[in-house]
Amino acid sequence: MNTAVESILVQAMQMPAQDRAAIAERLTSSLDTETDWDVEIAWQQEVQRCVDEVERGEVVCLPWEQVLQRLRKNSRATN
C-alpha cells in the first residue's frame, strides 16, 4: 500500500462511524460498474415488503443492544 493510501486510511479511521460507512459505501459502489436491474428491483421490493410489515405491526423490532446480546450468546453456544 502506498503512503497516500495509508494516509487516507489513517484519516478515515479517525472519522465517526457514520462517515466511515458513507465512505465505504461510495468506494464499494464505485467498484461495481454494472447494475443488475432485476436484482435492484427485487431488493427494493423486499425492503418495501419489510417496511410494510413493520408499519402494519406484523413484526416486532428489537433494539440493537438486544440483538447483539443474542448474537453473542448464540456465538458462545456454538463455539
PDB file of N, CA and C in Angstrom:
ATOM      1  N   MET A   1       0.856  -1.168   0.000  1.00  0.00           N
ATOM      2  CA  MET A   1       0.000   0.000   0.000  1.00  0.00           C
ATOM      3  C   MET A   1       0.906   1.237   0.000  1.00  0.00           C
ATOM      4  N   ASN A   2       0.611   2.181  -0.875  1.00  0.00           N
ATOM      5  CA  ASN A   2       1.474   3.360  -0.920  1.00  0.00           C
ATOM      6  C   ASN A   2       1.130   4.353   0.191  1.00  0.00           C
ATOM      7  N   THR A   3       1.980   5.322   0.392  1.00  0.00           N
ATOM      8  CA  THR A   3       1.828   6.244   1.528  1.00  0.00           C
ATOM      9  C   THR A   3       0.588   7.120   1.415  1.00  0.00           C
ATOM     10  N   ALA A   4       0.186   7.461   0.201  1.00  0.00           N
ATOM     11  CA  ALA A   4      -1.023   8.278   0.035  1.00  0.00           C
ATOM     12  C   ALA A   4      -2.252   7.498   0.508  1.00  0.00           C
ATOM     13  N   VAL A   5      -2.324   6.239   0.136  1.00  0.00           N
ATOM     14  CA  VAL A   5      -3.441   5.399   0.559  1.00  0.00           C
ATOM     15  C   VAL A   5      -3.428   5.223   2.071  1.00  0.00           C
ATOM     16  N   GLU A   6      -2.268   4.961   2.613  1.00  0.00           N
ATOM     17  CA  GLU A   6      -2.143   4.790   4.066  1.00  0.00           C
ATOM     18  C   GLU A   6      -2.576   6.057   4.800  1.00  0.00           C
ATOM     19  N   SER A   7      -2.197   7.211   4.286  1.00  0.00           N
ATOM     20  CA  SER A   7      -2.575   8.488   4.895  1.00  0.00           C
ATOM     21  C   SER A   7      -4.089   8.679   4.873  1.00  0.00           C
ATOM     22  N   ILE A   8      -4.709   8.340   3.755  1.00  0.00           N
ATOM     23  CA  ILE A   8      -6.168   8.459   3.644  1.00  0.00           C
ATOM     24  C   ILE A   8      -6.845   7.521   4.639  1.00  0.00           C
ATOM     25  N   LEU A   9      -6.339   6.307   4.747  1.00  0.00           N
ATOM     26  CA  LEU A   9      -6.926   5.340   5.685  1.00  0.00           C
ATOM     27  C   LEU A   9      -6.801   5.809   7.133  1.00  0.00           C
ATOM     28  N   VAL A  10      -5.650   6.356   7.491  1.00  0.00           N
ATOM     29  CA  VAL A  10      -5.456   6.858   8.854  1.00  0.00           C
ATOM     30  C   VAL A  10      -6.468   7.966   9.146  1.00  0.00           C
ATOM     31  N   GLN A  11      -6.634   8.887   8.187  1.00  0.00           N
ATOM     32  CA  GLN A  11      -7.592   9.987   8.371  1.00  0.00           C
ATOM     33  C   GLN A  11      -9.023   9.439   8.476  1.00  0.00           C
ATOM     34  N   ALA A  12      -9.365   8.500   7.603  1.00  0.00           N
ATOM     35  CA  ALA A  12     -10.720   7.953   7.598  1.00  0.00           C
ATOM     36  C   ALA A  12     -11.031   7.232   8.898  1.00  0.00           C
ATOM     37  N   MET A  13     -10.072   6.506   9.434  1.00  0.00           N
ATOM     38  CA  MET A  13     -10.306   5.748  10.660  1.00  0.00           C
ATOM     39  C   MET A  13     -10.550   6.651  11.868  1.00  0.00           C
ATOM     40  N   GLN A  14     -10.212   7.911  11.765  1.00  0.00           N
ATOM     41  CA  GLN A  14     -10.444   8.853  12.861  1.00  0.00           C
ATOM     42  C   GLN A  14     -11.824   9.502  12.769  1.00  0.00           C
ATOM     43  N   MET A  15     -12.550   9.213  11.702  1.00  0.00           N
ATOM     44  CA  MET A  15     -13.874   9.803  11.495  1.00  0.00           C
ATOM     45  C   MET A  15     -14.932   9.015  12.253  1.00  0.00           C
ATOM     46  N   PRO A  16     -16.074   9.650  12.490  1.00  0.00           N
ATOM     47  CA  PRO A  16     -17.189   8.940  13.122  1.00  0.00           C
ATOM     48  C   PRO A  16     -17.641   7.766  12.255  1.00  0.00           C
ATOM     49  N   ALA A  17     -18.242   6.777  12.881  1.00  0.00           N
ATOM     50  CA  ALA A  17     -18.672   5.564  12.186  1.00  0.00           C
ATOM     51  C   ALA A  17     -19.587   5.872  11.003  1.00  0.00           C
ATOM     52  N   GLN A  18     -20.473   6.823  11.166  1.00  0.00           N
ATOM     53  CA  GLN A  18     -21.420   7.153  10.093  1.00  0.00           C
ATOM     54  C   GLN A  18     -20.670   7.662   8.860  1.00  0.00           C
ATOM     55  N   ASP A  19     -19.658   8.486   9.063  1.00  0.00           N
ATOM     56  CA  ASP A  19     -18.867   8.987   7.941  1.00  0.00           C
ATOM     57  C   ASP A  19     -18.055   7.869   7.292  1.00  0.00           C
ATOM     58  N   ARG A  20     -17.487   6.986   8.118  1.00  0.00           N
ATOM     59  CA  ARG A  20     -16.727   5.854   7.576  1.00  0.00           C
ATOM     60  C   ARG A  20     -17.632   4.944   6.754  1.00  0.00           C
ATOM     61  N   ALA A  21     -18.855   4.738   7.226  1.00  0.00           N
ATOM     62  CA  ALA A  21     -19.804   3.901   6.486  1.00  0.00           C
ATOM     63  C   ALA A  21     -20.149   4.530   5.142  1.00  0.00           C
ATOM     64  N   ALA A  22     -20.325   5.835   5.131  1.00  0.00           N
ATOM     65  CA  ALA A  22     -20.632   6.526   3.875  1.00  0.00           C
ATOM     66  C   ALA A  22     -19.473   6.404   2.891  1.00  0.00           C
ATOM     67  N   ILE A  23     -18.258   6.550   3.391  1.00  0.00           N
ATOM     68  CA  ILE A  23     -17.074   6.405   2.544  1.00  0.00           C
ATOM     69  C   ILE A  23     -16.985   4.980   2.003  1.00  0.00           C
ATOM     70  N   ALA A  24     -17.189   4.005   2.875  1.00  0.00           N
ATOM     71  CA  ALA A  24     -17.121   2.597   2.461  1.00  0.00           C
ATOM     72  C   ALA A  24     -18.161   2.298   1.389  1.00  0.00           C
ATOM     73  N   GLU A  25     -19.360   2.819   1.568  1.00  0.00           N
ATOM     74  CA  GLU A  25     -20.426   2.578   0.591  1.00  0.00           C
ATOM     75  C   GLU A  25     -20.055   3.180  -0.755  1.00  0.00           C
ATOM     76  N   ARG A  26     -19.548   4.402  -0.741  1.00  0.00           N
ATOM     77  CA  ARG A  26     -19.161   5.056  -2.007  1.00  0.00           C
ATOM     78  C   ARG A  26     -18.039   4.308  -2.697  1.00  0.00           C
ATOM     79  N   LEU A  27     -17.045   3.882  -1.934  1.00  0.00           N
ATOM     80  CA  LEU A  27     -15.926   3.146  -2.532  1.00  0.00           C
ATOM     81  C   LEU A  27     -16.396   1.804  -3.088  1.00  0.00           C
ATOM     82  N   THR A  28     -17.210   1.095  -2.320  1.00  0.00           N
ATOM     83  CA  THR A  28     -17.711  -0.202  -2.771  1.00  0.00           C
ATOM     84  C   THR A  28     -18.555  -0.052  -4.026  1.00  0.00           C
ATOM     85  N   SER A  29     -19.428   0.931  -4.041  1.00  0.00           N
ATOM     86  CA  SER A  29     -20.293   1.101  -5.209  1.00  0.00           C
ATOM     87  C   SER A  29     -19.486   1.528  -6.435  1.00  0.00           C
ATOM     88  N   SER A  30     -18.335   2.176  -6.232  1.00  0.00           N
ATOM     89  CA  SER A  30     -17.511   2.569  -7.381  1.00  0.00           C
ATOM     90  C   SER A  30     -16.857   1.360  -8.042  1.00  0.00           C
ATOM     91  N   LEU A  31     -16.768   0.238  -7.335  1.00  0.00           N
ATOM     92  CA  LEU A  31     -16.169  -0.973  -7.892  1.00  0.00           C
ATOM     93  C   LEU A  31     -17.159  -1.760  -8.742  1.00  0.00           C
ATOM     94  N   ASP A  32     -18.424  -1.568  -8.490  1.00  0.00           N
ATOM     95  CA  ASP A  32     -19.467  -2.285  -9.207  1.00  0.00           C
ATOM     96  C   ASP A  32     -19.936  -1.423 -10.365  1.00  0.00           C
ATOM     97  N   THR A  33     -19.371  -1.652 -11.541  1.00  0.00           N
ATOM     98  CA  THR A  33     -19.654  -0.779 -12.680  1.00  0.00           C
ATOM     99  C   THR A  33     -20.919  -1.156 -13.428  1.00  0.00           C
ATOM    100  N   GLU A  34     -21.389  -2.380 -13.265  1.00  0.00           N
ATOM    101  CA  GLU A  34     -22.607  -2.808 -13.938  1.00  0.00           C
ATOM    102  C   GLU A  34     -23.713  -3.044 -12.918  1.00  0.00           C
ATOM    103  N   THR A  35     -24.890  -2.559 -13.244  1.00  0.00           N
ATOM    104  CA  THR A  35     -26.028  -2.725 -12.350  1.00  0.00           C
ATOM    105  C   THR A  35     -26.951  -3.797 -12.913  1.00  0.00           C
ATOM    106  N   ASP A  36     -27.279  -4.754 -12.079  1.00  0.00           N
ATOM    107  CA  ASP A  36     -28.259  -5.772 -12.449  1.00  0.00           C
ATOM    108  C   ASP A  36     -29.616  -5.248 -11.983  1.00  0.00           C
ATOM    109  N   TRP A  37     -30.372  -4.684 -12.900  1.00  0.00           N
ATOM    110  CA  TRP A  37     -31.619  -4.017 -12.541  1.00  0.00           C
ATOM    111  C   TRP A  37     -32.652  -4.981 -11.974  1.00  0.00           C
ATOM    112  N   ASP A  38     -32.629  -6.232 -12.394  1.00  0.00           N
ATOM    113  CA  ASP A  38     -33.552  -7.206 -11.815  1.00  0.00           C
ATOM    114  C   ASP A  38     -33.270  -7.388 -10.329  1.00  0.00           C
ATOM    115  N   VAL A  39     -31.987  -7.434  -9.976  1.00  0.00           N
ATOM    116  CA  VAL A  39     -31.602  -7.565  -8.569  1.00  0.00           C
ATOM    117  C   VAL A  39     -31.977  -6.306  -7.797  1.00  0.00           C
ATOM    118  N   GLU A  40     -31.693  -5.140  -8.379  1.00  0.00           N
ATOM    119  CA  GLU A  40     -32.040  -3.878  -7.710  1.00  0.00           C
ATOM    120  C   GLU A  40     -33.535  -3.787  -7.436  1.00  0.00           C
ATOM    121  N   ILE A  41     -34.327  -4.134  -8.418  1.00  0.00           N
ATOM    122  CA  ILE A  41     -35.792  -4.084  -8.258  1.00  0.00           C
ATOM    123  C   ILE A  41     -36.243  -5.085  -7.197  1.00  0.00           C
ATOM    124  N   ALA A  42     -35.668  -6.281  -7.221  1.00  0.00           N
ATOM    125  CA  ALA A  42     -36.033  -7.293  -6.226  1.00  0.00           C
ATOM    126  C   ALA A  42     -35.695  -6.813  -4.823  1.00  0.00           C
ATOM    127  N   TRP A  43     -34.528  -6.179  -4.642  1.00  0.00           N
ATOM    128  CA  TRP A  43     -34.158  -5.661  -3.321  1.00  0.00           C
ATOM    129  C   TRP A  43     -35.095  -4.548  -2.887  1.00  0.00           C
ATOM    130  N   GLN A  44     -35.434  -3.659  -3.793  1.00  0.00           N
ATOM    131  CA  GLN A  44     -36.357  -2.578  -3.453  1.00  0.00           C
ATOM    132  C   GLN A  44     -37.712  -3.136  -3.023  1.00  0.00           C
ATOM    133  N   GLN A  45     -38.178  -4.164  -3.724  1.00  0.00           N
ATOM    134  CA  GLN A  45     -39.451  -4.782  -3.364  1.00  0.00           C
ATOM    135  C   GLN A  45     -39.364  -5.455  -1.992  1.00  0.00           C
ATOM    136  N   GLU A  46     -38.246  -6.122  -1.726  1.00  0.00           N
ATOM    137  CA  GLU A  46     -38.062  -6.789  -0.435  1.00  0.00           C
ATOM    138  C   GLU A  46     -38.014  -5.774   0.704  1.00  0.00           C
ATOM    139  N   VAL A  47     -37.290  -4.699   0.501  1.00  0.00           N
ATOM    140  CA  VAL A  47     -37.214  -3.651   1.525  1.00  0.00           C
ATOM    141  C   VAL A  47     -38.602  -3.076   1.772  1.00  0.00           C
ATOM    142  N   GLN A  48     -39.339  -2.797   0.716  1.00  0.00           N
ATOM    143  CA  GLN A  48     -40.685  -2.242   0.882  1.00  0.00           C
ATOM    144  C   GLN A  48     -41.592  -3.219   1.599  1.00  0.00           C
ATOM    145  N   ARG A  49     -41.469  -4.521   1.294  1.00  0.00           N
ATOM    146  CA  ARG A  49     -42.275  -5.538   1.973  1.00  0.00           C
ATOM    147  C   ARG A  49     -41.985  -5.533   3.473  1.00  0.00           C
ATOM    148  N   CYS A  50     -40.712  -5.433   3.820  1.00  0.00           N
ATOM    149  CA  CYS A  50     -40.328  -5.411   5.237  1.00  0.00           C
ATOM    150  C   CYS A  50     -40.847  -4.156   5.934  1.00  0.00           C
ATOM    151  N   VAL A  51     -40.726  -3.016   5.283  1.00  0.00           N
ATOM    152  CA  VAL A  51     -41.227  -1.764   5.851  1.00  0.00           C
ATOM    153  C   VAL A  51     -42.729  -1.865   6.070  1.00  0.00           C
ATOM    154  N   ASP A  52     -43.435  -2.397   5.088  1.00  0.00           N
ATOM    155  CA  ASP A  52     -44.895  -2.549   5.214  1.00  0.00           C
ATOM    156  C   ASP A  52     -45.268  -3.449   6.385  1.00  0.00           C
ATOM    157  N   GLU A  53     -44.531  -4.548   6.574  1.00  0.00           N
ATOM    158  CA  GLU A  53     -44.801  -5.451   7.702  1.00  0.00           C
ATOM    159  C   GLU A  53     -44.617  -4.742   9.038  1.00  0.00           C
ATOM    160  N   VAL A  54     -43.564  -3.939   9.135  1.00  0.00           N
ATOM    161  CA  VAL A  54     -43.321  -3.189  10.370  1.00  0.00           C
ATOM    162  C   VAL A  54     -44.440  -2.186  10.593  1.00  0.00           C
ATOM    163  N   GLU A  55     -44.808  -1.457   9.557  1.00  0.00           N
ATOM    164  CA  GLU A  55     -45.847  -0.434   9.696  1.00  0.00           C
ATOM    165  C   GLU A  55     -47.208  -1.035  10.045  1.00  0.00           C
ATOM    166  N   ARG A  56     -47.468  -2.251   9.571  1.00  0.00           N
ATOM    167  CA  ARG A  56     -48.735  -2.918   9.907  1.00  0.00           C
ATOM    168  C   ARG A  56     -48.684  -3.596  11.273  1.00  0.00           C
ATOM    169  N   GLY A  57     -47.525  -3.570  11.913  1.00  0.00           N
ATOM    170  CA  GLY A  57     -47.384  -4.191  13.224  1.00  0.00           C
ATOM    171  C   GLY A  57     -47.285  -5.702  13.173  1.00  0.00           C
ATOM    172  N   GLU A  58     -46.925  -6.248  12.024  1.00  0.00           N
ATOM    173  CA  GLU A  58     -46.835  -7.699  11.863  1.00  0.00           C
ATOM    174  C   GLU A  58     -45.528  -8.271  12.397  1.00  0.00           C
ATOM    175  N   VAL A  59     -44.541  -7.434  12.583  1.00  0.00           N
ATOM    176  CA  VAL A  59     -43.263  -7.871  13.128  1.00  0.00           C
ATOM    177  C   VAL A  59     -42.876  -6.954  14.278  1.00  0.00           C
ATOM    178  N   VAL A  60     -42.080  -7.495  15.180  1.00  0.00           N
ATOM    179  CA  VAL A  60     -41.621  -6.712  16.319  1.00  0.00           C
ATOM    180  C   VAL A  60     -40.143  -6.398  16.109  1.00  0.00           C
ATOM    181  N   CYS A  61     -39.815  -5.140  16.169  1.00  0.00           N
ATOM    182  CA  CYS A  61     -38.424  -4.733  16.032  1.00  0.00           C
ATOM    183  C   CYS A  61     -37.762  -4.769  17.406  1.00  0.00           C
ATOM    184  N   LEU A  62     -36.520  -5.221  17.429  1.00  0.00           N
ATOM    185  CA  LEU A  62     -35.776  -5.309  18.680  1.00  0.00           C
ATOM    186  C   LEU A  62     -34.692  -4.243  18.703  1.00  0.00           C
ATOM    187  N   PRO A  63     -34.388  -3.723  19.884  1.00  0.00           N
ATOM    188  CA  PRO A  63     -33.282  -2.778  19.994  1.00  0.00           C
ATOM    189  C   PRO A  63     -31.968  -3.479  19.635  1.00  0.00           C
ATOM    190  N   TRP A  64     -31.048  -2.753  19.030  1.00  0.00           N
ATOM    191  CA  TRP A  64     -29.770  -3.316  18.604  1.00  0.00           C
ATOM    192  C   TRP A  64     -29.043  -3.992  19.764  1.00  0.00           C
ATOM    193  N   GLU A  65     -29.100  -3.406  20.933  1.00  0.00           N
ATOM    194  CA  GLU A  65     -28.413  -3.982  22.079  1.00  0.00           C
ATOM    195  C   GLU A  65     -28.918  -5.401  22.369  1.00  0.00           C
ATOM    196  N   GLN A  66     -30.215  -5.607  22.243  1.00  0.00           N
ATOM    197  CA  GLN A  66     -30.798  -6.921  22.492  1.00  0.00           C
ATOM    198  C   GLN A  66     -30.378  -7.907  21.402  1.00  0.00           C
ATOM    199  N   VAL A  67     -30.367  -7.457  20.166  1.00  0.00           N
ATOM    200  CA  VAL A  67     -29.933  -8.320  19.058  1.00  0.00           C
ATOM    201  C   VAL A  67     -28.477  -8.719  19.251  1.00  0.00           C
ATOM    202  N   LEU A  68     -27.633  -7.756  19.585  1.00  0.00           N
ATOM    203  CA  LEU A  68     -26.217  -8.026  19.791  1.00  0.00           C
ATOM    204  C   LEU A  68     -26.003  -9.018  20.933  1.00  0.00           C
ATOM    205  N   GLN A  69     -26.758  -8.842  22.001  1.00  0.00           N
ATOM    206  CA  GLN A  69     -26.666  -9.761  23.139  1.00  0.00           C
ATOM    207  C   GLN A  69     -27.030 -11.191  22.717  1.00  0.00           C
ATOM    208  N   ARG A  70     -28.087 -11.340  21.934  1.00  0.00           N
ATOM    209  CA  ARG A  70     -28.486 -12.665  21.448  1.00  0.00           C
ATOM    210  C   ARG A  70     -27.412 -13.268  20.548  1.00  0.00           C
ATOM    211  N   LEU A  71     -26.849 -12.452  19.659  1.00  0.00           N
ATOM    212  CA  LEU A  71     -25.805 -12.946  18.765  1.00  0.00           C
ATOM    213  C   LEU A  71     -24.593 -13.430  19.546  1.00  0.00           C
ATOM    214  N   ARG A  72     -24.201 -12.668  20.544  1.00  0.00           N
ATOM    215  CA  ARG A  72     -23.055 -13.073  21.362  1.00  0.00           C
ATOM    216  C   ARG A  72     -23.344 -14.364  22.115  1.00  0.00           C
ATOM    217  N   LYS A  73     -24.556 -14.462  22.647  1.00  0.00           N
ATOM    218  CA  LYS A  73     -24.938 -15.669  23.381  1.00  0.00           C
ATOM    219  C   LYS A  73     -24.936 -16.878  22.457  1.00  0.00           C
ATOM    220  N   ASN A  74     -25.508 -16.735  21.259  1.00  0.00           N
ATOM    221  CA  ASN A  74     -25.544 -17.838  20.291  1.00  0.00           C
ATOM    222  C   ASN A  74     -24.150 -18.188  19.802  1.00  0.00           C
ATOM    223  N   SER A  75     -23.299 -17.206  19.670  1.00  0.00           N
ATOM    224  CA  SER A  75     -21.931 -17.452  19.211  1.00  0.00           C
ATOM    225  C   SER A  75     -21.171 -18.264  20.246  1.00  0.00           C
ATOM    226  N   ARG A  76     -21.335 -17.931  21.503  1.00  0.00           N
ATOM    227  CA  ARG A  76     -20.671 -18.673  22.574  1.00  0.00           C
ATOM    228  C   ARG A  76     -21.187 -20.104  22.648  1.00  0.00           C
ATOM    229  N   ALA A  77     -22.478 -20.294  22.391  1.00  0.00           N
ATOM    230  CA  ALA A  77     -23.087 -21.623  22.468  1.00  0.00           C
ATOM    231  C   ALA A  77     -22.597 -22.534  21.348  1.00  0.00           C
ATOM    232  N   THR A  78     -22.236 -21.960  20.212  1.00  0.00           N
ATOM    233  CA  THR A  78     -21.814 -22.787  19.075  1.00  0.00           C
ATOM    234  C   THR A  78     -20.313 -23.002  19.035  1.00  0.00           C
ATOM    235  N   ASN A  79     -19.570 -22.307  19.872  1.00  0.00           N
ATOM    236  CA  ASN A  79     -18.104 -22.453  19.865  1.00  0.00           C
ATOM    237  C   ASN A  79     -17.645 -23.515  20.796  1.00  0.00           C
TER     238      ASN A  79
END
